[in-house]
Amino acid sequence: MRQFFIKNLILIHIFVLCLVFVSISILIHNKNLGDAAGTIERIRQTGKLRLITADASNTYSYYEGIPTGFEYDLAMEFAKYLNVELDIVTPGWNNLFAYLDQGMGDFIAAGLAITKERLESAAFSIPYMTIQQRIIHHNLVLAPKNIEDLKSRTFHIRRGTSYHSRLKIIKDSGIDLNYILHDNIPTDELIAMVDKREIQFTIADSNIALLNQRYFPDIRIGIPIQEKESLAWAVRKDDAEMLVEINRFFLYANEQGILKRITAKYYENTENFDIYELKKFHARIETRLPKYKRLIMEESEKYAFDWRLVAAIVYQESHFNPNAKSFTNVQGLMQLTHATAREMGITNRINPSQSIRAGIKYLNRMHQRFGYIEDDYQRMLFSLASYNIGYGHVMDALKIAEEKGLDLASWQTLKTTLPLLSKSRYFEATKHGYARGWEPIQYVERILTYFDILKQKTMS
């Protein structure tokens, strides 16, 4: 499953052109579009695009008062593409299609798999991701080894989902499993119930399962119960004009790298972690972080940094151990060099207060140097890489990127060019020479994982 989601984009790209032209053909030949024919015109006249979605970590949620989520980000890009504002309607999982049918929104973007049942009530866009339904269980619960082994097991799932349809098919085939249906409850919550051992089994799409395993390292992702399925956006069946516009947008998003960027932001690091290392992190959030939390919060606030991000950096650097020392003689909670400590005006690197103050001050210095990057998320990734490997090496990597004609404000660019600093044909032509350029990539990705966990644990 490694790099599962990014690789799927390549397959999607192959089908995009064909599907777009099919959709355009439908529009041309469909002369009876009814009321739905005016959807795009109404959107442009009102300046409002109405998204129907559901609250969940993989779709749409709020963090620190700011909306976030894969579907939300992608829908925002669609709104920008149409040059309109995005309005969001969240009627609950069981009411998504009812709201669409009643014209209370223009399209559904909620991580929906294309199923036979759903095709009877809606039209679906070009797929943007491929997933697979997997069994979720606690590591202390014996898991089914194959489909036949589902017999006599009880699964808790949300009513009307693709999971519901699949389990019904399996049951109807003669395998005597049980399932309990829940209304309007996110899959995330059912996974949390598995983690607490309140229930034994649920089903989740592979992308949701991987996202939640970092929050609940005691859960396990079991066998698949279905062939791979495609996720897509849904529109009313008679709304061919809206379908064409969405497919055009997906073509544009694919060509411009928008889809790849958003997919990477939410899913790229979901598989690259050690479960036991995550368990250690969860434990140390409770045992070690409290000693330094207030200090981290106070110093982070001075520079408008999210304290959870800084805490993630501290853990990556020292595991919240103020006496940590590496073989390169960096020390303390923020693993500062002698030179950086002097530059930041501190005298004792193992003093928690001095170390955190100097480390955040140094991170801010890196952050200011990338002020030309408009996207705050991308800018912070550049800053983190510089904190780890040094600003000079990052600039060397950007020089290589410039020569290759790559986007100098994209983290994907640095992921391409930083590793080249370990190759003689590249580093010999740089100002700062050889560097283990793969290390800052791993460093940033681990921090993002820890940051995501801390956000989830502290989200209201």
Protein backbone atom coordinates (compact mmCIF):
# COMPACT_ATOMS: atom_id res chain seq x y z
CA MET A 1 0.00 0.00 0.00
CA ARG A 2 3.06 2.27 0.07
CA GLN A 3 2.44 5.53 -1.82
CA PHE A 4 -0.97 4.09 -2.64
CA PHE A 5 -2.75 7.35 -3.20
CA ILE A 6 -0.09 9.21 -5.17
CA LYS A 7 0.31 6.32 -7.62
CA ASN A 8 -3.43 6.33 -8.23
CA LEU A 9 -3.17 9.81 -9.67
CA ILE A 10 -1.22 8.41 -12.61
CA LEU A 11 -4.06 6.00 -13.40
CA ILE A 12 -6.63 8.73 -12.97
CA HIS A 13 -4.75 10.95 -15.42
CA ILE A 14 -5.03 8.27 -18.10
CA PHE A 15 -8.82 8.24 -17.85
CA VAL A 16 -9.38 11.96 -17.39
CA LEU A 17 -9.48 13.10 -21.02
CA CYS A 18 -11.76 10.27 -22.12
CA LEU A 19 -14.19 10.85 -19.29
CA VAL A 20 -14.29 14.59 -19.83
CA PHE A 21 -15.19 14.16 -23.50
CA VAL A 22 -17.83 11.58 -22.57
CA SER A 23 -19.35 14.09 -20.16
CA ILE A 24 -19.29 16.84 -22.80
CA SER A 25 -20.99 14.48 -25.22
CA ILE A 26 -23.72 13.81 -22.66
CA LEU A 27 -24.28 17.55 -22.33
CA ILE A 28 -24.45 18.11 -26.08
CA HIS A 29 -26.93 15.29 -26.68
CA ASN A 30 -29.04 15.86 -23.60
CA LYS A 31 -31.58 18.50 -24.61
CA ASN A 32 -33.87 17.84 -21.66
CA LEU A 33 -31.92 18.98 -18.65
CA GLY A 34 -34.86 20.50 -16.82
CA ASP A 35 -34.22 22.85 -13.87
CA ALA A 36 -30.68 21.53 -13.41
CA ALA A 37 -29.54 23.09 -16.70
CA GLY A 38 -29.17 26.45 -14.96
CA THR A 39 -26.88 25.30 -12.15
CA ILE A 40 -23.65 26.81 -13.50
CA GLU A 41 -25.44 29.97 -14.59
CA ARG A 42 -26.97 30.34 -11.11
CA ILE A 43 -23.58 29.75 -9.47
CA ARG A 44 -22.01 32.49 -11.58
CA GLN A 45 -24.92 34.89 -11.05
CA THR A 46 -25.00 34.45 -7.27
CA GLY A 47 -21.24 34.02 -6.87
CA LYS A 48 -21.90 31.02 -4.61
CA LEU A 49 -20.92 27.37 -5.06
CA ARG A 50 -22.79 25.15 -2.58
CA LEU A 51 -20.88 22.13 -1.31
CA ILE A 52 -22.75 19.32 0.47
CA THR A 53 -20.38 17.40 2.71
CA ALA A 54 -20.05 15.76 6.11
CA ASP A 55 -17.93 16.45 9.16
CA ALA A 56 -14.96 14.08 9.33
CA SER A 57 -11.17 14.19 9.37
CA ASN A 58 -10.90 13.22 5.70
CA THR A 59 -13.61 15.56 4.45
CA TYR A 60 -14.26 18.76 6.41
CA SER A 61 -13.58 19.93 9.94
CA TYR A 62 -12.37 22.96 11.88
CA TYR A 63 -8.98 23.40 13.50
CA GLU A 64 -8.31 26.55 15.51
CA GLY A 65 -11.32 28.16 13.86
CA ILE A 66 -10.02 27.42 10.36
CA PRO A 67 -11.75 24.94 8.02
CA THR A 68 -9.63 22.05 6.82
CA GLY A 69 -9.94 18.64 5.17
CA PHE A 70 -9.15 17.00 1.85
CA GLU A 71 -12.62 17.49 0.34
CA TYR A 72 -12.80 21.05 1.64
CA ASP A 73 -9.44 22.00 0.12
CA LEU A 74 -10.33 20.45 -3.22
CA ALA A 75 -13.76 22.12 -3.24
CA MET A 76 -12.10 25.47 -2.45
CA GLU A 77 -9.92 25.01 -5.52
CA PHE A 78 -13.06 24.31 -7.55
CA ALA A 79 -14.60 27.54 -6.26
CA LYS A 80 -11.44 29.43 -7.26
CA TYR A 81 -11.61 27.79 -10.67
CA LEU A 82 -15.15 29.14 -11.09
CA ASN A 83 -14.17 32.46 -9.47
CA VAL A 84 -16.94 32.22 -6.86
CA GLU A 85 -17.24 31.76 -3.10
CA LEU A 86 -17.77 28.39 -1.44
CA ASP A 87 -20.79 27.80 0.80
CA ILE A 88 -20.81 24.62 2.87
CA VAL A 89 -23.84 22.56 3.86
CA THR A 90 -23.42 19.72 6.38
CA PRO A 91 -26.77 17.92 6.75
CA GLY A 92 -25.36 14.74 8.26
CA TRP A 93 -24.20 11.59 6.49
CA ASN A 94 -27.65 10.10 6.00
CA ASN A 95 -29.04 13.25 4.38
CA LEU A 96 -26.39 13.99 1.75
CA PHE A 97 -28.34 12.71 -1.25
CA ALA A 98 -31.66 14.05 0.00
CA TYR A 99 -30.17 17.55 0.16
CA LEU A 100 -28.74 17.13 -3.33
CA ASP A 101 -32.09 15.95 -4.75
CA GLN A 102 -33.92 18.86 -3.08
CA GLY A 103 -31.53 21.39 -4.63
CA MET A 104 -30.10 22.45 -1.28
CA GLY A 105 -26.58 22.15 -2.67
CA ASP A 106 -24.85 21.86 -6.02
CA PHE A 107 -22.69 18.78 -5.51
CA ILE A 108 -21.55 16.28 -2.88
CA ALA A 109 -17.89 15.93 -1.97
CA ALA A 110 -17.66 13.58 0.99
CA GLY A 111 -15.31 10.74 0.13
CA LEU A 112 -18.06 8.82 -1.66
CA ALA A 113 -17.30 5.56 -3.43
CA ILE A 114 -19.09 5.00 -6.73
CA THR A 115 -21.54 2.16 -6.09
CA LYS A 116 -24.39 0.60 -8.05
CA GLU A 117 -26.94 1.87 -5.52
CA ARG A 118 -25.64 5.43 -5.62
CA LEU A 119 -25.59 5.48 -9.41
CA GLU A 120 -29.35 5.01 -9.31
CA SER A 121 -29.82 8.34 -7.54
CA ALA A 122 -26.88 10.51 -8.67
CA ALA A 123 -24.28 11.02 -11.39
CA PHE A 124 -20.60 10.79 -10.49
CA SER A 125 -17.57 12.70 -11.69
CA ILE A 126 -14.17 11.54 -12.78
CA PRO A 127 -12.69 9.55 -9.85
CA TYR A 128 -9.93 11.28 -7.92
CA MET A 129 -8.76 8.50 -5.61
CA THR A 130 -8.84 4.71 -5.36
CA ILE A 131 -9.51 3.04 -2.01
CA GLN A 132 -10.41 -0.35 -0.60
CA GLN A 133 -12.77 -1.33 2.22
CA ARG A 134 -10.83 -2.84 5.12
CA ILE A 135 -11.76 -4.45 8.42
CA ILE A 136 -10.70 -2.43 11.47
CA HIS A 137 -10.04 -4.18 14.79
CA HIS A 138 -8.06 -3.75 17.99
CA ASN A 139 -4.62 -5.40 18.11
CA LEU A 140 -5.86 -7.57 21.00
CA VAL A 141 -8.82 -8.86 18.99
CA LEU A 142 -8.39 -11.88 16.73
CA ALA A 143 -9.11 -10.69 13.20
CA PRO A 144 -10.83 -12.55 10.34
CA LYS A 145 -8.30 -14.17 7.98
CA ASN A 146 -10.57 -14.28 4.93
CA ILE A 147 -14.13 -13.49 3.85
CA GLU A 148 -15.44 -16.85 5.05
CA ASP A 149 -14.01 -16.06 8.47
CA LEU A 150 -16.47 -13.15 8.82
CA LYS A 151 -19.04 -15.70 9.96
CA SER A 152 -20.55 -14.91 13.40
CA ARG A 153 -18.60 -11.64 13.65
CA THR A 154 -20.45 -8.40 14.42
CA PHE A 155 -19.60 -5.19 12.56
CA HIS A 156 -20.69 -1.68 13.47
CA ILE A 157 -21.16 0.51 10.41
CA ARG A 158 -23.02 3.61 9.29
CA ARG A 159 -26.33 3.08 7.51
CA GLY A 160 -26.39 3.68 3.75
CA THR A 161 -22.64 3.47 3.21
CA SER A 162 -20.73 1.36 0.72
CA TYR A 163 -19.75 -0.74 3.78
CA HIS A 164 -23.43 -1.42 4.45
CA SER A 165 -23.95 -2.52 0.84
CA ARG A 166 -20.92 -4.76 0.84
CA LEU A 167 -21.69 -6.52 4.12
CA LYS A 168 -25.25 -7.11 2.94
CA ILE A 169 -23.92 -8.77 -0.22
CA ILE A 170 -21.57 -10.96 1.82
CA LYS A 171 -24.37 -11.91 4.21
CA ASP A 172 -26.74 -12.68 1.32
CA SER A 173 -24.06 -14.96 -0.17
CA GLY A 174 -24.52 -17.28 2.80
CA ILE A 175 -21.89 -16.06 5.26
CA ASP A 176 -23.79 -15.54 8.51
CA LEU A 177 -22.21 -12.34 9.76
CA ASN A 178 -23.96 -9.66 11.81
CA TYR A 179 -23.94 -5.91 11.40
CA ILE A 180 -25.32 -3.11 13.54
CA LEU A 181 -26.29 0.07 11.72
CA HIS A 182 -25.63 3.58 13.09
CA ASP A 183 -27.10 6.83 11.80
CA ASN A 184 -25.04 9.94 11.06
CA ILE A 185 -21.91 8.77 12.86
CA PRO A 186 -18.53 9.33 11.16
CA THR A 187 -16.33 6.34 10.48
CA ASP A 188 -13.70 8.10 12.63
CA GLU A 189 -15.95 7.69 15.68
CA LEU A 190 -16.52 4.00 15.05
CA ILE A 191 -12.75 3.53 14.75
CA ALA A 192 -12.35 5.34 18.09
CA MET A 193 -14.86 2.89 19.59
CA VAL A 194 -12.73 0.01 18.31
CA ASP A 195 -9.68 1.62 19.92
CA LYS A 196 -11.53 1.84 23.26
CA ARG A 197 -12.70 -1.77 22.78
CA GLU A 198 -16.32 -0.69 23.01
CA ILE A 199 -16.92 -2.59 19.77
CA GLN A 200 -14.81 -5.27 18.10
CA PHE A 201 -15.08 -4.50 14.39
CA THR A 202 -15.93 -1.77 11.94
CA ILE A 203 -15.19 -1.19 8.25
CA ALA A 204 -13.31 1.79 6.82
CA ASP A 205 -11.96 2.89 3.47
CA SER A 206 -8.19 2.43 3.36
CA ASN A 207 -7.49 6.18 3.28
CA ILE A 208 -9.59 6.77 6.41
CA ALA A 209 -8.05 3.74 8.12
CA LEU A 210 -4.50 4.96 7.49
CA LEU A 211 -5.31 8.48 8.71
CA ASN A 212 -6.80 7.16 11.93
CA GLN A 213 -4.09 4.62 12.70
CA ARG A 214 -1.75 7.45 13.63
CA TYR A 215 -4.35 8.69 16.15
CA PHE A 216 -5.11 5.21 17.44
CA PRO A 217 -1.94 3.11 17.14
CA ASP A 218 -3.61 0.14 18.86
CA ILE A 219 -6.01 -0.41 15.97
CA ARG A 220 -5.08 -2.72 13.12
CA ILE A 221 -6.09 -2.56 9.48
CA GLY A 222 -7.32 -6.01 8.56
CA ILE A 223 -8.21 -7.80 5.35
CA PRO A 224 -10.03 -6.09 2.47
CA ILE A 225 -13.64 -7.10 1.97
CA GLN A 226 -14.09 -5.53 -1.44
CA GLU A 227 -12.17 -4.93 -4.66
CA LYS A 228 -10.70 -1.46 -5.09
CA GLU A 229 -13.27 1.31 -5.50
CA SER A 230 -13.13 4.86 -6.84
CA LEU A 231 -14.03 8.02 -4.93
CA ALA A 232 -15.76 10.82 -6.82
CA TRP A 233 -18.04 13.83 -6.47
CA ALA A 234 -21.79 13.44 -7.00
CA VAL A 235 -24.32 15.68 -8.80
CA ARG A 236 -28.00 15.32 -9.62
CA LYS A 237 -28.63 12.78 -12.36
CA ASP A 238 -30.09 15.38 -14.74
CA ASP A 239 -27.36 17.94 -14.06
CA ALA A 240 -25.08 17.13 -17.00
CA GLU A 241 -23.84 20.73 -17.16
CA MET A 242 -22.53 20.60 -13.58
CA LEU A 243 -20.97 17.20 -14.22
CA VAL A 244 -19.09 18.55 -17.24
CA GLU A 245 -17.83 21.54 -15.26
CA ILE A 246 -16.58 19.35 -12.42
CA ASN A 247 -14.82 17.03 -14.85
CA ARG A 248 -13.20 19.99 -16.56
CA PHE A 249 -12.00 21.14 -13.17
CA PHE A 250 -10.52 17.72 -12.38
CA LEU A 251 -8.68 17.80 -15.70
CA TYR A 252 -7.34 21.25 -14.81
CA ALA A 253 -6.46 20.19 -11.24
CA ASN A 254 -4.62 17.16 -12.56
CA GLU A 255 -2.63 19.14 -15.13
CA GLN A 256 -1.77 21.95 -12.69
CA GLY A 257 -0.66 19.60 -9.89
CA ILE A 258 -3.45 20.77 -7.58
CA LEU A 259 -4.83 17.29 -6.99
CA LYS A 260 -1.37 15.86 -6.36
CA ARG A 261 -0.54 18.66 -3.89
CA ILE A 262 -3.72 18.26 -1.84
CA THR A 263 -3.45 14.47 -1.88
CA ALA A 264 0.14 14.69 -0.65
CA LYS A 265 -0.84 17.14 2.09
CA TYR A 266 -3.36 14.77 3.65
CA TYR A 267 -2.28 11.27 2.69
CA GLU A 268 1.34 11.08 1.63
CA ASN A 269 2.77 10.33 5.08
CA THR A 270 0.04 8.01 6.32
CA GLU A 271 2.00 4.81 5.68
CA ASN A 272 5.54 5.91 6.47
CA PHE A 273 5.63 5.41 10.21
CA ASP A 274 6.37 2.78 12.79
CA ILE A 275 3.33 1.87 14.89
CA TYR A 276 5.43 1.23 17.98
CA GLU A 277 7.19 4.57 17.61
CA LEU A 278 3.75 6.20 17.45
CA LYS A 279 2.69 4.39 20.63
CA LYS A 280 5.79 5.80 22.32
CA PHE A 281 4.86 9.28 21.10
CA HIS A 282 1.31 8.95 22.42
CA ALA A 283 2.69 7.87 25.80
CA ARG A 284 5.19 10.72 26.00
CA ILE A 285 2.52 13.26 25.16
CA GLU A 286 1.06 12.28 28.53
CA THR A 287 4.26 11.78 30.55
CA ARG A 288 6.83 14.25 29.21
CA LEU A 289 5.12 17.00 27.23
CA PRO A 290 3.24 18.48 30.25
CA LYS A 291 6.58 19.60 31.75
CA TYR A 292 7.26 21.86 28.77
CA LYS A 293 3.82 22.56 27.32
CA ARG A 294 3.29 25.98 28.88
CA LEU A 295 6.80 27.10 27.94
CA ILE A 296 6.29 25.92 24.36
CA MET A 297 2.92 27.68 24.15
CA GLU A 298 4.27 30.99 25.48
CA GLU A 299 7.30 31.09 23.18
CA SER A 300 5.30 29.93 20.14
CA GLU A 301 2.76 32.69 20.65
CA LYS A 302 5.48 35.35 20.29
CA TYR A 303 5.95 34.34 16.66
CA ALA A 304 2.36 33.28 15.88
CA PHE A 305 3.43 29.64 15.53
CA ASP A 306 1.05 26.81 16.39
CA TRP A 307 2.41 25.43 19.66
CA ARG A 308 1.51 21.90 18.57
CA LEU A 309 3.82 22.21 15.58
CA VAL A 310 6.62 23.39 17.85
CA ALA A 311 5.92 20.52 20.25
CA ALA A 312 6.16 18.13 17.29
CA ILE A 313 9.57 19.63 16.44
CA VAL A 314 10.76 19.26 20.04
CA TYR A 315 9.73 15.62 20.07
CA GLN A 316 11.42 14.91 16.76
CA GLU A 317 14.58 16.59 17.98
CA SER A 318 14.85 15.19 21.52
CA HIS A 319 11.77 13.11 22.49
CA PHE A 320 11.16 15.80 25.12
CA ASN A 321 14.49 14.95 26.79
CA PRO A 322 16.39 18.14 27.80
CA ASN A 323 19.65 16.19 28.14
CA ALA A 324 19.52 14.68 24.66
CA LYS A 325 22.80 14.84 22.76
CA SER A 326 23.57 13.58 19.27
CA PHE A 327 26.79 12.22 17.79
CA THR A 328 27.21 15.60 16.02
CA ASN A 329 27.25 17.33 19.43
CA VAL A 330 23.92 19.11 19.13
CA GLN A 331 22.16 19.26 22.48
CA GLY A 332 18.98 19.96 24.39
CA LEU A 333 15.28 19.91 23.66
CA MET A 334 15.75 21.69 20.34
CA GLN A 335 19.13 20.06 19.51
CA LEU A 336 21.04 23.28 18.94
CA THR A 337 24.62 23.57 17.75
CA HIS A 338 27.15 25.72 19.60
CA ALA A 339 27.04 28.22 16.74
CA THR A 340 23.24 28.48 16.68
CA ALA A 341 23.11 28.86 20.47
CA ARG A 342 25.56 31.75 20.35
CA GLU A 343 23.75 33.31 17.41
CA MET A 344 20.42 33.14 19.27
CA GLY A 345 21.96 34.57 22.44
CA ILE A 346 21.80 31.64 24.88
CA THR A 347 24.54 30.12 27.02
CA ASN A 348 23.08 26.80 28.21
CA ARG A 349 21.72 24.46 25.53
CA ILE A 350 20.39 21.88 28.00
CA ASN A 351 18.35 24.47 29.90
CA PRO A 352 14.77 23.82 28.67
CA SER A 353 13.74 27.46 28.68
CA GLN A 354 16.83 28.65 26.83
CA SER A 355 16.72 25.81 24.33
CA ILE A 356 13.05 26.30 23.43
CA ARG A 357 13.39 30.06 23.25
CA ALA A 358 16.43 29.85 20.97
CA GLY A 359 15.01 27.06 18.83
CA ILE A 360 11.75 28.88 18.10
CA LYS A 361 13.63 32.11 17.45
CA TYR A 362 15.84 30.29 14.94
CA LEU A 363 12.81 28.66 13.28
CA ASN A 364 11.26 32.11 12.92
CA ARG A 365 14.44 33.35 11.24
CA MET A 366 14.13 30.55 8.68
CA HIS A 367 10.45 31.32 8.28
CA GLN A 368 11.14 34.97 7.51
CA ARG A 369 13.60 34.04 4.79
CA PHE A 370 10.87 32.29 2.85
CA GLY A 371 8.47 35.21 2.97
CA TYR A 372 8.07 35.05 -0.81
CA ILE A 373 6.06 31.82 -0.47
CA GLU A 374 2.40 32.82 -0.24
CA ASP A 375 1.08 29.45 0.91
CA ASP A 376 1.63 29.32 4.70
CA TYR A 377 1.74 25.53 4.76
CA GLN A 378 4.39 25.31 2.03
CA ARG A 379 6.39 28.10 3.65
CA MET A 380 6.54 26.24 6.96
CA LEU A 381 7.78 23.06 5.25
CA PHE A 382 10.67 25.03 3.74
CA SER A 383 11.39 26.49 7.17
CA LEU A 384 11.45 23.07 8.82
CA ALA A 385 13.79 21.68 6.18
CA SER A 386 16.13 24.62 6.75
CA TYR A 387 15.99 24.10 10.51
CA ASN A 388 17.16 20.54 9.97
CA ILE A 389 19.72 20.71 7.18
CA GLY A 390 20.56 24.41 7.08
CA TYR A 391 19.35 27.31 4.98
CA GLY A 392 22.38 27.12 2.71
CA HIS A 393 21.69 23.57 1.58
CA VAL A 394 18.04 24.41 0.95
CA MET A 395 19.14 27.29 -1.24
CA ASP A 396 21.49 24.95 -3.10
CA ALA A 397 18.54 22.62 -3.70
CA LEU A 398 16.45 25.55 -4.95
CA LYS A 399 19.25 26.55 -7.33
CA ILE A 400 19.11 23.07 -8.82
CA ALA A 401 15.32 23.40 -9.01
CA GLU A 402 15.60 26.71 -10.83
CA GLU A 403 17.93 25.15 -13.39
CA LYS A 404 15.37 22.39 -13.92
CA GLY A 405 12.51 24.87 -14.28
CA LEU A 406 10.66 23.63 -11.18
CA ASP A 407 8.31 25.59 -8.90
CA LEU A 408 10.46 27.33 -6.28
CA ALA A 409 7.57 27.62 -3.82
CA SER A 410 6.59 23.94 -3.77
CA TRP A 411 7.59 21.36 -1.17
CA GLN A 412 7.35 18.71 -3.89
CA THR A 413 10.21 20.52 -5.61
CA LEU A 414 12.42 20.32 -2.52
CA LYS A 415 11.56 16.65 -2.17
CA THR A 416 12.93 16.20 -5.68
CA THR A 417 16.08 18.29 -5.42
CA LEU A 418 17.27 17.95 -1.81
CA PRO A 419 18.30 14.27 -2.29
CA LEU A 420 20.40 15.35 -5.29
CA LEU A 421 22.78 17.09 -2.87
CA SER A 422 24.24 13.67 -2.06
CA LYS A 423 25.23 13.10 -5.71
CA SER A 424 28.62 14.42 -6.85
CA ARG A 425 27.37 15.64 -10.23
CA TYR A 426 25.12 18.05 -8.34
CA PHE A 427 26.80 18.93 -5.02
CA GLU A 428 30.15 19.70 -6.64
CA ALA A 429 28.50 22.63 -8.40
CA THR A 430 26.82 24.00 -5.25
CA LYS A 431 28.02 26.60 -2.77
CA HIS A 432 27.61 24.47 0.36
CA GLY A 433 28.56 21.07 -1.03
CA TYR A 434 27.49 17.59 -0.01
CA ALA A 435 24.46 17.00 2.18
CA ARG A 436 22.35 14.00 3.15
CA GLY A 437 19.39 15.54 1.40
CA TRP A 438 16.97 12.73 2.12
CA GLU A 439 17.16 13.40 5.86
CA PRO A 440 15.24 16.72 5.94
CA ILE A 441 12.45 15.09 3.93
CA GLN A 442 12.08 12.32 6.52
CA TYR A 443 12.44 14.93 9.28
CA VAL A 444 9.61 17.10 7.94
CA GLU A 445 7.33 14.13 7.32
CA ARG A 446 7.76 12.82 10.87
CA ILE A 447 7.03 16.27 12.30
CA LEU A 448 3.86 16.52 10.21
CA THR A 449 2.72 13.16 11.57
CA TYR A 450 3.35 14.22 15.18
CA PHE A 451 1.71 17.58 14.52
CA ASP A 452 -1.37 15.90 13.07
CA ILE A 453 -1.68 13.67 16.15
CA LEU A 454 -1.35 16.62 18.52
CA LYS A 455 -4.01 18.53 16.59
CA GLN A 456 -6.37 15.59 16.81
CA LYS A 457 -5.77 15.17 20.54
CA THR A 458 -6.38 18.81 21.34
CA MET A 459 -9.14 19.57 18.84
CA SER A 460 -12.35 20.74 20.44
